[in-house]
N, C-alpha and C. Protein backbone atom coordinates (compact mmCIF):
# COMPACT_ATOMS: atom_id res chain seq x y z
N MET A 1 1.13 -1.53 0.06
CA MET A 1 -0.04 -0.23 -0.01
C MET A 1 1.07 1.34 -0.11
N LYS A 2 1.76 1.33 0.49
CA LYS A 2 3.07 2.34 1.14
C LYS A 2 3.69 2.81 -0.46
N GLU A 3 3.91 1.37 -1.24
CA GLU A 3 4.80 1.68 -2.63
C GLU A 3 3.45 2.01 -3.57
N MET A 4 2.38 1.95 -3.44
CA MET A 4 1.40 3.06 -4.47
C MET A 4 0.92 3.84 -3.62
N GLU A 5 1.45 4.78 -2.87
CA GLU A 5 1.28 5.95 -2.44
C GLU A 5 2.33 6.83 -2.97
N MET A 6 3.33 5.98 -2.40
CA MET A 6 5.16 6.30 -3.17
C MET A 6 4.70 6.74 -4.74
N TYR A 7 4.64 5.46 -5.46
CA TYR A 7 3.92 5.51 -6.88
C TYR A 7 3.05 6.90 -7.58
N ARG A 8 1.75 7.03 -6.84
CA ARG A 8 1.41 8.08 -6.72
C ARG A 8 1.87 9.89 -6.67
N SER A 9 2.45 9.78 -5.68
CA SER A 9 3.26 11.02 -5.70
C SER A 9 4.38 10.84 -7.24
N GLU A 10 4.57 10.10 -7.26
CA GLU A 10 5.78 10.24 -8.15
C GLU A 10 5.70 10.19 -9.46
N ILE A 11 4.76 10.47 -10.08
CA ILE A 11 3.95 11.03 -11.07
C ILE A 11 3.25 11.87 -10.60
N GLY A 12 2.63 12.13 -9.71
CA GLY A 12 2.33 13.67 -9.88
C GLY A 12 2.77 14.86 -10.28
N LYS A 13 4.09 14.54 -9.53
CA LYS A 13 4.81 15.53 -9.96
C LYS A 13 5.06 15.83 -11.46
N PRO A 14 5.22 15.35 -12.56
CA PRO A 14 5.29 15.45 -13.66
C PRO A 14 4.24 15.82 -14.02
N VAL A 15 2.92 15.26 -13.64
CA VAL A 15 1.30 15.39 -13.90
C VAL A 15 1.43 17.13 -13.68
N ILE A 16 1.80 17.51 -12.51
CA ILE A 16 1.49 18.69 -11.60
C ILE A 16 1.99 19.70 -12.50
N VAL A 17 3.79 19.65 -13.00
CA VAL A 17 4.41 20.51 -13.77
C VAL A 17 3.70 20.56 -15.24
N LEU A 18 3.64 19.22 -15.89
CA LEU A 18 2.70 19.54 -17.07
C LEU A 18 1.38 20.36 -17.20
N ILE A 19 0.69 20.21 -16.22
CA ILE A 19 -0.29 21.21 -16.39
C ILE A 19 -0.37 22.69 -16.16
N CYS A 20 1.00 22.60 -15.08
CA CYS A 20 1.09 24.82 -14.99
C CYS A 20 2.01 25.09 -16.34
N GLY A 21 2.41 23.90 -16.60
CA GLY A 21 3.76 24.60 -18.07
C GLY A 21 2.63 24.79 -19.13
N THR A 22 1.22 23.99 -19.25
CA THR A 22 0.20 24.18 -20.09
C THR A 22 -0.30 25.24 -19.95
N LEU A 23 -0.99 25.46 -18.52
CA LEU A 23 -1.67 26.87 -18.67
C LEU A 23 -0.73 27.84 -18.69
N VAL A 24 0.67 28.28 -18.86
CA VAL A 24 1.52 28.98 -18.61
C VAL A 24 1.48 29.28 -20.28
N TYR A 25 1.95 28.58 -21.57
CA TYR A 25 2.12 28.32 -22.47
C TYR A 25 0.49 29.19 -23.13
N TYR A 26 -0.56 28.65 -22.78
CA TYR A 26 -1.95 28.50 -23.04
C TYR A 26 -2.23 30.27 -23.14
N HIS A 27 -0.99 31.33 -21.52
CA HIS A 27 -1.61 32.40 -21.18
C HIS A 27 -0.72 32.83 -21.91
N CYS A 28 0.29 32.45 -22.17
CA CYS A 28 1.11 33.59 -23.25
C CYS A 28 1.33 33.63 -24.46
N ALA A 29 1.34 32.17 -24.62
CA ALA A 29 1.34 32.38 -26.06
C ALA A 29 -0.23 32.33 -27.18
N HIS A 30 -1.07 31.75 -26.85
CA HIS A 30 -2.64 32.01 -27.40
C HIS A 30 -3.07 32.89 -26.84
N ARG A 31 -3.04 34.14 -25.38
CA ARG A 31 -3.80 34.67 -25.83
C ARG A 31 -2.53 36.17 -25.89
N ASN A 32 -1.95 35.85 -26.20
CA ASN A 32 -0.36 36.42 -26.72
C ASN A 32 -0.47 37.68 -25.38
N SER A 33 -0.43 37.32 -24.18
CA SER A 33 -0.31 38.00 -22.68
C SER A 33 0.91 37.86 -22.03
N SER A 34 1.95 38.68 -21.49
CA SER A 34 3.58 38.71 -21.08
C SER A 34 2.95 38.17 -19.85
N LEU A 35 4.55 37.86 -19.49
CA LEU A 35 4.87 36.77 -18.47
C LEU A 35 4.36 37.58 -16.95
N VAL A 36 4.40 39.25 -17.09
CA VAL A 36 4.19 39.34 -16.20
C VAL A 36 2.74 39.68 -16.03
N SER A 37 1.96 39.70 -17.17
CA SER A 37 0.37 39.80 -17.19
C SER A 37 -0.02 37.91 -16.04
N LEU A 38 1.15 37.33 -16.49
CA LEU A 38 0.71 36.37 -15.82
C LEU A 38 0.78 35.64 -14.56
N VAL A 39 1.73 36.81 -14.38
CA VAL A 39 2.40 36.42 -12.83
C VAL A 39 1.19 37.13 -12.13
N SER A 40 0.29 38.78 -12.23
CA SER A 40 -0.27 38.96 -12.05
C SER A 40 -1.76 38.96 -12.07
N ASP A 41 -2.15 37.79 -12.53
CA ASP A 41 -3.36 37.19 -12.86
C ASP A 41 -2.97 35.67 -11.60
N VAL A 42 -1.97 35.04 -11.52
CA VAL A 42 -2.18 34.36 -10.36
C VAL A 42 -2.11 34.69 -9.29
N LEU A 43 -1.50 35.92 -8.77
CA LEU A 43 -1.30 36.46 -7.55
C LEU A 43 -2.54 37.17 -7.68
N ILE A 44 -3.19 38.23 -8.50
CA ILE A 44 -5.04 37.96 -7.92
C ILE A 44 -5.97 36.72 -7.52
N VAL A 45 -5.60 35.65 -8.34
CA VAL A 45 -6.45 34.81 -8.36
C VAL A 45 -6.12 34.01 -6.42
N LEU A 46 -4.41 34.08 -6.27
CA LEU A 46 -4.32 33.25 -5.16
C LEU A 46 -5.23 34.30 -4.02
N LEU A 47 -4.77 35.58 -4.10
CA LEU A 47 -5.01 36.53 -3.32
C LEU A 47 -6.60 36.55 -2.66
N CYS A 48 -7.28 36.70 -3.97
CA CYS A 48 -8.93 36.42 -3.84
C CYS A 48 -9.70 35.24 -3.02
N SER A 49 -8.53 34.04 -3.46
CA SER A 49 -9.11 32.16 -3.10
C SER A 49 -9.12 32.39 -1.60
N LEU A 50 -7.45 32.96 -0.92
CA LEU A 50 -7.43 33.00 0.41
C LEU A 50 -7.87 34.02 1.04
N ALA A 51 -8.29 35.24 0.32
CA ALA A 51 -9.30 36.24 1.23
C ALA A 51 -11.16 35.30 1.21
N ILE A 52 -10.74 34.43 0.42
CA ILE A 52 -12.59 34.11 0.13
C ILE A 52 -12.85 33.28 1.68
N LEU A 53 -11.19 32.23 1.66
CA LEU A 53 -11.21 31.12 2.70
C LEU A 53 -11.04 31.80 3.74
N GLY A 54 -10.51 32.80 3.83
CA GLY A 54 -10.02 33.67 5.00
C GLY A 54 -11.41 34.27 5.82
N LEU A 55 -12.16 34.57 5.06
CA LEU A 55 -13.77 34.91 5.36
C LEU A 55 -14.68 33.35 5.62
N LEU A 56 -14.74 32.43 5.17
CA LEU A 56 -14.86 31.73 5.22
C LEU A 56 -14.82 31.03 7.15
N PHE A 57 -13.48 30.68 7.31
CA PHE A 57 -12.65 30.15 8.22
C PHE A 57 -13.49 31.18 9.27
N ARG A 58 -13.03 32.45 9.52
CA ARG A 58 -13.70 33.26 10.24
C ARG A 58 -15.56 33.39 10.43
N GLN A 59 -16.21 33.19 9.31
CA GLN A 59 -17.83 32.43 9.57
C GLN A 59 -17.70 31.43 10.33
N MET A 60 -17.11 30.52 10.20
CA MET A 60 -17.50 29.02 10.96
C MET A 60 -16.26 28.93 12.29
N ASN A 61 -15.87 29.92 13.34
CA ASN A 61 -14.50 29.79 13.66
C ASN A 61 -14.22 28.68 14.04
N ILE A 62 -12.98 28.22 12.67
CA ILE A 62 -12.18 27.60 11.95
C ILE A 62 -10.92 28.49 12.70
N SER A 63 -9.80 28.31 13.49
CA SER A 63 -8.60 28.18 13.40
C SER A 63 -7.75 27.84 12.41
N VAL A 64 -7.01 29.00 11.16
CA VAL A 64 -6.51 28.31 10.61
C VAL A 64 -5.10 27.41 10.61
N PRO A 65 -4.77 26.42 10.12
CA PRO A 65 -4.08 25.56 10.81
C PRO A 65 -2.33 25.87 10.82
N VAL A 66 -2.23 26.61 9.40
CA VAL A 66 -0.70 27.08 9.32
C VAL A 66 -0.78 28.14 8.56
N ASP A 67 0.02 29.45 9.55
CA ASP A 67 -0.01 30.22 9.39
C ASP A 67 1.65 30.52 7.86
N PRO A 68 1.17 31.27 6.73
CA PRO A 68 1.68 31.11 6.14
C PRO A 68 3.07 31.68 5.72
N LEU A 69 3.05 33.00 6.93
CA LEU A 69 3.99 33.71 7.06
C LEU A 69 4.88 33.41 8.25
N GLU A 70 4.87 32.10 8.76
CA GLU A 70 5.82 31.28 9.55
C GLU A 70 6.62 30.23 8.47
N TRP A 71 6.25 29.92 7.29
CA TRP A 71 7.53 28.92 6.64
C TRP A 71 8.32 29.10 6.26
N GLN A 72 9.15 28.56 6.02
CA GLN A 72 10.61 28.99 6.17
C GLN A 72 11.31 27.88 5.54
N ILE A 73 12.53 27.92 4.30
CA ILE A 73 13.46 26.69 3.74
C ILE A 73 14.80 27.00 5.13
N SER A 74 15.06 25.77 5.10
CA SER A 74 16.16 25.85 5.66
C SER A 74 17.59 26.63 5.09
N GLN A 75 18.52 26.69 5.99
CA GLN A 75 19.69 27.22 5.25
C GLN A 75 20.32 26.31 4.53
N ASP A 76 20.47 25.03 4.68
CA ASP A 76 21.30 23.29 4.01
C ASP A 76 20.54 23.53 2.46
N THR A 77 18.89 23.83 2.24
CA THR A 77 18.29 24.16 1.47
C THR A 77 18.69 25.28 0.40
N ALA A 78 18.37 26.41 1.18
CA ALA A 78 19.10 27.76 0.37
C ALA A 78 20.69 27.60 -0.07
N ASN A 79 21.26 27.22 0.61
CA ASN A 79 22.63 26.71 0.38
C ASN A 79 22.95 25.81 -1.32
N SER A 80 22.12 24.93 -0.73
CA SER A 80 22.41 23.45 -2.08
C SER A 80 21.50 24.64 -3.38
N ILE A 81 20.56 25.82 -3.24
CA ILE A 81 19.70 25.64 -4.49
C ILE A 81 21.20 27.01 -5.21
N VAL A 82 21.87 28.11 -3.92
CA VAL A 82 22.50 29.09 -4.94
C VAL A 82 23.56 28.41 -5.27
N ALA A 83 24.13 26.77 -4.39
CA ALA A 83 25.45 26.20 -5.34
C ALA A 83 25.17 25.79 -6.30
N TRP A 84 23.53 24.94 -6.29
CA TRP A 84 23.49 24.59 -8.05
C TRP A 84 23.71 25.00 -9.25
N ILE A 85 23.25 26.61 -8.40
CA ILE A 85 22.90 27.56 -9.75
C ILE A 85 24.48 28.16 -9.97
N ALA A 86 25.53 28.34 -8.60
CA ALA A 86 26.60 28.43 -9.14
C ALA A 86 27.24 28.03 -10.08
N ASN A 87 27.31 26.78 -9.23
CA ASN A 87 27.75 25.68 -10.49
C ASN A 87 27.32 25.75 -12.02
N THR A 88 25.96 25.84 -12.11
CA THR A 88 25.73 25.81 -13.26
C THR A 88 26.37 26.58 -14.41
N VAL A 89 26.16 27.65 -13.67
CA VAL A 89 26.31 28.82 -14.70
C VAL A 89 28.50 28.61 -14.47
N GLY A 90 28.64 28.52 -13.82
CA GLY A 90 30.13 28.29 -14.11
C GLY A 90 30.47 27.41 -14.85
N ALA A 91 30.07 26.08 -14.88
CA ALA A 91 30.29 25.38 -16.18
C ALA A 91 29.88 25.50 -17.22
N ALA A 92 28.78 26.51 -17.49
CA ALA A 92 29.01 27.34 -18.94
C ALA A 92 29.69 28.00 -19.61
N GLU A 93 30.05 28.81 -18.51
CA GLU A 93 31.18 30.27 -18.46
C GLU A 93 32.34 29.16 -18.70
N SER A 94 32.77 28.04 -18.04
CA SER A 94 33.81 27.80 -18.27
C SER A 94 33.99 26.81 -19.56
N VAL A 95 33.24 26.21 -20.24
CA VAL A 95 32.92 25.63 -21.37
C VAL A 95 33.14 26.49 -22.68
N LEU A 96 32.18 27.80 -22.09
CA LEU A 96 31.74 28.57 -23.16
C LEU A 96 33.80 29.67 -23.77
N ARG A 97 34.57 29.54 -22.13
CA ARG A 97 35.50 30.40 -22.39
C ARG A 97 36.92 29.71 -22.87
N VAL A 98 36.55 28.28 -23.08
CA VAL A 98 37.49 27.17 -23.37
C VAL A 98 37.09 27.01 -24.83
N ALA A 99 35.81 26.99 -25.46
CA ALA A 99 35.50 26.95 -27.13
C ALA A 99 36.03 28.61 -27.16
N ALA A 100 36.05 29.58 -26.65
CA ALA A 100 36.27 30.69 -27.13
C ALA A 100 37.58 30.87 -27.28
N THR A 101 38.30 30.37 -26.43
CA THR A 101 39.72 30.54 -27.63
C THR A 101 40.00 29.65 -27.72
N GLY A 102 39.46 28.28 -28.20
CA GLY A 102 39.66 27.54 -29.58
C GLY A 102 40.94 26.43 -29.66
N HIS A 103 41.29 26.57 -28.72
CA HIS A 103 42.08 25.43 -28.12
C HIS A 103 41.25 24.50 -28.40
N ASP A 104 40.58 24.07 -28.37
CA ASP A 104 39.78 22.59 -28.08
C ASP A 104 38.73 22.85 -29.69
N LYS A 105 39.21 22.50 -30.64
CA LYS A 105 38.59 22.97 -32.03
C LYS A 105 37.00 21.60 -32.03
N ARG A 106 37.09 20.52 -31.62
CA ARG A 106 35.90 19.95 -31.31
C ARG A 106 35.10 20.41 -29.92
N LEU A 107 35.29 21.10 -29.53
CA LEU A 107 34.31 21.62 -28.59
C LEU A 107 33.71 23.44 -28.89
N PHE A 108 34.84 23.60 -30.11
CA PHE A 108 34.67 24.83 -30.64
C PHE A 108 33.27 24.88 -31.43
N PHE A 109 33.26 23.43 -32.46
CA PHE A 109 32.48 23.57 -33.50
C PHE A 109 31.30 23.11 -33.04
N LYS A 110 30.82 22.04 -31.66
CA LYS A 110 29.86 21.87 -30.79
C LYS A 110 29.40 23.14 -30.38
N VAL A 111 29.89 24.00 -29.92
CA VAL A 111 29.03 25.13 -29.35
C VAL A 111 28.47 26.14 -30.89
N VAL A 112 29.34 25.87 -31.63
CA VAL A 112 29.22 26.90 -33.10
C VAL A 112 27.93 26.68 -33.52
N PHE A 113 27.22 24.81 -33.55
CA PHE A 113 26.94 24.06 -34.07
C PHE A 113 25.12 24.07 -32.83
N CYS A 114 25.25 24.10 -31.84
CA CYS A 114 24.40 24.07 -30.97
C CYS A 114 23.72 25.58 -30.96
N LEU A 115 24.95 26.62 -30.75
CA LEU A 115 24.11 27.97 -31.24
C LEU A 115 23.60 28.03 -32.53
N TYR A 116 23.79 27.69 -33.53
CA TYR A 116 23.22 27.82 -35.24
C TYR A 116 21.84 27.41 -34.64
N VAL A 117 22.07 25.85 -34.44
CA VAL A 117 20.72 25.12 -34.23
C VAL A 117 19.50 26.35 -33.30
N LEU A 118 19.37 26.33 -32.30
CA LEU A 118 19.15 27.56 -31.57
C LEU A 118 18.74 28.41 -32.04
N SER A 119 19.11 29.29 -33.04
CA SER A 119 19.13 30.34 -34.27
C SER A 119 18.38 30.33 -35.04
N VAL A 120 18.40 29.08 -35.83
CA VAL A 120 17.54 28.65 -36.73
C VAL A 120 16.20 27.90 -35.89
N LEU A 121 16.25 27.30 -34.92
CA LEU A 121 15.18 27.00 -34.19
C LEU A 121 14.36 28.04 -33.74
N GLY A 122 14.90 29.37 -33.04
CA GLY A 122 14.24 30.95 -32.50
C GLY A 122 13.73 31.54 -33.82
N ARG A 123 14.52 31.22 -34.89
CA ARG A 123 13.46 31.99 -36.25
C ARG A 123 11.82 31.15 -36.80
N LEU A 124 12.59 29.81 -36.49
CA LEU A 124 11.12 28.72 -36.88
C LEU A 124 9.86 29.17 -36.13
N VAL A 125 10.48 28.79 -34.74
CA VAL A 125 9.03 29.60 -33.39
C VAL A 125 9.38 30.08 -32.73
N SER A 126 8.14 30.93 -31.80
CA SER A 126 8.62 30.92 -30.45
C SER A 126 9.22 30.55 -29.49
N GLY A 127 9.76 31.17 -28.81
CA GLY A 127 10.82 30.52 -27.44
C GLY A 127 10.09 30.01 -26.46
N LEU A 128 8.39 30.66 -26.43
CA LEU A 128 8.05 29.59 -25.51
C LEU A 128 8.16 28.47 -25.65
N THR A 129 7.70 28.48 -27.13
CA THR A 129 6.52 26.97 -28.24
C THR A 129 8.03 25.89 -27.38
N VAL A 130 9.21 26.51 -27.46
CA VAL A 130 10.57 25.55 -27.21
C VAL A 130 10.63 25.63 -26.09
N ALA A 131 9.98 26.47 -25.28
CA ALA A 131 10.41 25.54 -23.84
C ALA A 131 9.09 25.25 -23.00
N TYR A 132 8.12 25.34 -23.84
CA TYR A 132 7.15 24.23 -23.38
C TYR A 132 7.35 23.03 -23.95
N THR A 133 7.88 22.79 -25.19
CA THR A 133 8.15 21.21 -25.77
C THR A 133 9.14 20.85 -24.93
N GLY A 134 10.43 21.64 -24.24
CA GLY A 134 10.97 20.91 -23.22
C GLY A 134 10.42 20.58 -22.05
N LEU A 135 9.55 21.54 -21.86
CA LEU A 135 8.80 21.59 -20.70
C LEU A 135 7.75 20.01 -20.52
N CYS A 136 7.55 19.42 -21.43
CA CYS A 136 6.89 18.07 -21.68
C CYS A 136 8.03 17.59 -22.17
N LEU A 137 8.89 17.50 -22.70
CA LEU A 137 10.38 16.48 -22.51
C LEU A 137 10.74 16.04 -20.96
N PHE A 138 11.00 16.93 -20.73
CA PHE A 138 11.30 16.66 -18.84
C PHE A 138 10.09 15.94 -17.91
N CYS A 139 8.99 16.60 -18.47
CA CYS A 139 7.85 15.90 -17.95
C CYS A 139 8.12 13.79 -18.22
N LEU A 140 7.51 13.95 -19.45
CA LEU A 140 8.31 12.70 -20.00
C LEU A 140 9.37 11.60 -18.94
N TYR A 141 10.14 12.44 -19.21
CA TYR A 141 11.76 11.95 -18.87
C TYR A 141 11.12 11.63 -17.22
N MET A 142 10.56 12.36 -16.72
CA MET A 142 10.72 12.44 -14.55
C MET A 142 9.56 11.18 -14.71
N PHE A 143 8.34 11.03 -15.52
CA PHE A 143 7.87 9.85 -15.57
C PHE A 143 7.94 8.79 -15.38
N ALA A 144 9.06 8.73 -17.08
CA ALA A 144 9.79 7.10 -17.52
C ALA A 144 10.60 6.79 -16.14
N GLU A 145 11.14 8.22 -15.18
CA GLU A 145 12.04 7.47 -14.81
C GLU A 145 11.37 6.90 -13.12
N SER A 146 10.12 7.23 -12.97
CA SER A 146 9.63 7.22 -11.37
C SER A 146 8.90 5.71 -12.39
N SER A 147 8.53 5.54 -13.82
CA SER A 147 8.04 4.46 -13.28
C SER A 147 8.90 2.99 -13.26
N GLN A 148 8.58 1.91 -12.42
CA GLN A 148 9.84 1.03 -12.76
C GLN A 148 9.63 0.02 -13.94
N SER A 149 8.30 0.06 -14.37
CA SER A 149 7.81 -0.86 -15.59
C SER A 149 8.92 -0.02 -16.54
N ILE A 150 8.49 0.77 -16.57
CA ILE A 150 9.10 1.20 -17.92
C ILE A 150 10.06 1.60 -18.08
N SER A 151 11.14 2.36 -17.07
CA SER A 151 12.54 2.24 -16.10
C SER A 151 13.15 1.10 -16.58
N SER A 152 12.49 -0.40 -16.57
CA SER A 152 13.24 -1.27 -16.90
C SER A 152 13.49 -1.52 -18.39
N CYS A 153 12.53 -1.19 -18.97
CA CYS A 153 12.28 -1.12 -20.47
C CYS A 153 13.48 -0.42 -20.82
N LEU A 154 13.53 0.75 -20.50
CA LEU A 154 13.79 1.98 -21.10
C LEU A 154 15.63 1.12 -21.15
N SER A 155 16.19 0.78 -19.36
CA SER A 155 17.27 0.04 -19.19
C SER A 155 17.91 -1.21 -20.08
N ARG A 156 16.92 -2.09 -20.50
CA ARG A 156 17.36 -3.55 -21.08
C ARG A 156 17.29 -2.51 -22.65
N PHE A 157 16.77 -1.41 -23.14
CA PHE A 157 16.55 -1.19 -24.55
C PHE A 157 17.88 -0.50 -25.06
N LEU A 158 18.75 0.65 -23.63
CA LEU A 158 19.50 0.86 -23.56
C LEU A 158 20.68 -0.15 -23.67
N GLY A 159 20.39 -1.03 -22.97
CA GLY A 159 21.68 -1.96 -22.83
C GLY A 159 22.15 -1.30 -21.27
N ARG A 160 21.50 -0.48 -19.65
CA ARG A 160 22.32 -0.27 -18.99
C ARG A 160 21.46 -1.70 -17.82
N ASN A 161 22.40 -1.61 -16.77
CA ASN A 161 21.67 -2.08 -15.70
C ASN A 161 21.46 -1.65 -14.51
N ASN A 162 21.67 -0.22 -14.53
CA ASN A 162 21.60 1.07 -13.26
C ASN A 162 22.12 0.95 -12.40
N GLY A 163 23.45 0.17 -12.40
CA GLY A 163 24.16 -0.88 -11.24
C GLY A 163 23.93 -1.98 -10.94
N LEU A 164 23.35 -2.83 -11.04
CA LEU A 164 22.89 -4.02 -10.68
C LEU A 164 23.41 -5.24 -10.99
N THR A 165 23.83 -6.22 -10.58
CA THR A 165 24.67 -7.03 -10.98
C THR A 165 23.88 -8.26 -11.80
N ALA A 166 24.36 -9.09 -12.13
CA ALA A 166 23.58 -9.92 -12.90
C ALA A 166 22.37 -10.84 -12.69
N GLU A 167 22.33 -11.21 -11.23
CA GLU A 167 21.99 -11.97 -10.77
C GLU A 167 20.73 -11.14 -10.25
N ASP A 168 20.85 -9.57 -9.31
CA ASP A 168 19.78 -8.94 -9.17
C ASP A 168 18.92 -8.67 -10.78
N THR A 169 19.67 -8.43 -11.74
CA THR A 169 19.00 -8.07 -13.26
C THR A 169 18.18 -9.04 -13.74
N GLU A 170 18.41 -10.37 -13.52
CA GLU A 170 17.86 -11.81 -13.84
C GLU A 170 16.70 -11.67 -12.49
N GLU A 171 17.06 -11.57 -11.25
CA GLU A 171 15.43 -11.36 -10.62
C GLU A 171 14.47 -10.64 -10.48
N GLN A 172 15.10 -9.24 -11.09
CA GLN A 172 14.50 -8.24 -11.27
C GLN A 172 13.27 -8.93 -12.62
N GLU A 173 13.81 -9.40 -13.67
CA GLU A 173 13.40 -9.85 -14.60
C GLU A 173 12.09 -10.77 -14.35
N ASP A 174 12.80 -11.76 -13.41
CA ASP A 174 12.02 -13.01 -13.32
C ASP A 174 10.41 -12.35 -12.68
N THR A 175 10.67 -11.38 -11.66
CA THR A 175 8.99 -10.88 -10.92
C THR A 175 8.58 -9.93 -11.80
N MET A 176 8.89 -9.46 -12.99
CA MET A 176 8.42 -8.95 -14.26
C MET A 176 7.20 -10.03 -14.55
């Protein structure tokens, strides 16, 4: 039973991200609204919803269970987020610096090719469409990674055993 709940929560994450991405894509691409308009619309809806809930709770004499003003993230979480951003920016800057010097010709041509493909893609479709497509692909990847049956099929297809020994792989195949 616990595995089923964990499976549902793992599948729920990509579905929620996909729904949010779809709403952002609809709001910005089809309605031709800006991202600032989307953020303000979301904040207005949240503010109105919280105000209505607050009035209902006050009328029904129900105390609010959690005060959102007391929500905090830990120092470790904040440090890990900032470290991840710094590492990502640093790695990208390092790759671009090496490519720009011309010492590594192969890396230089890879960067030029990627930038050219992004340029062509940017002329063909809007940036929002590319971002939404990337979000959809990321959600599919998260869904495939969280699903054990799809993950085992992919590992068999790609020839990976995910660090398992041959006996564990055979045992896993026998249970399917």
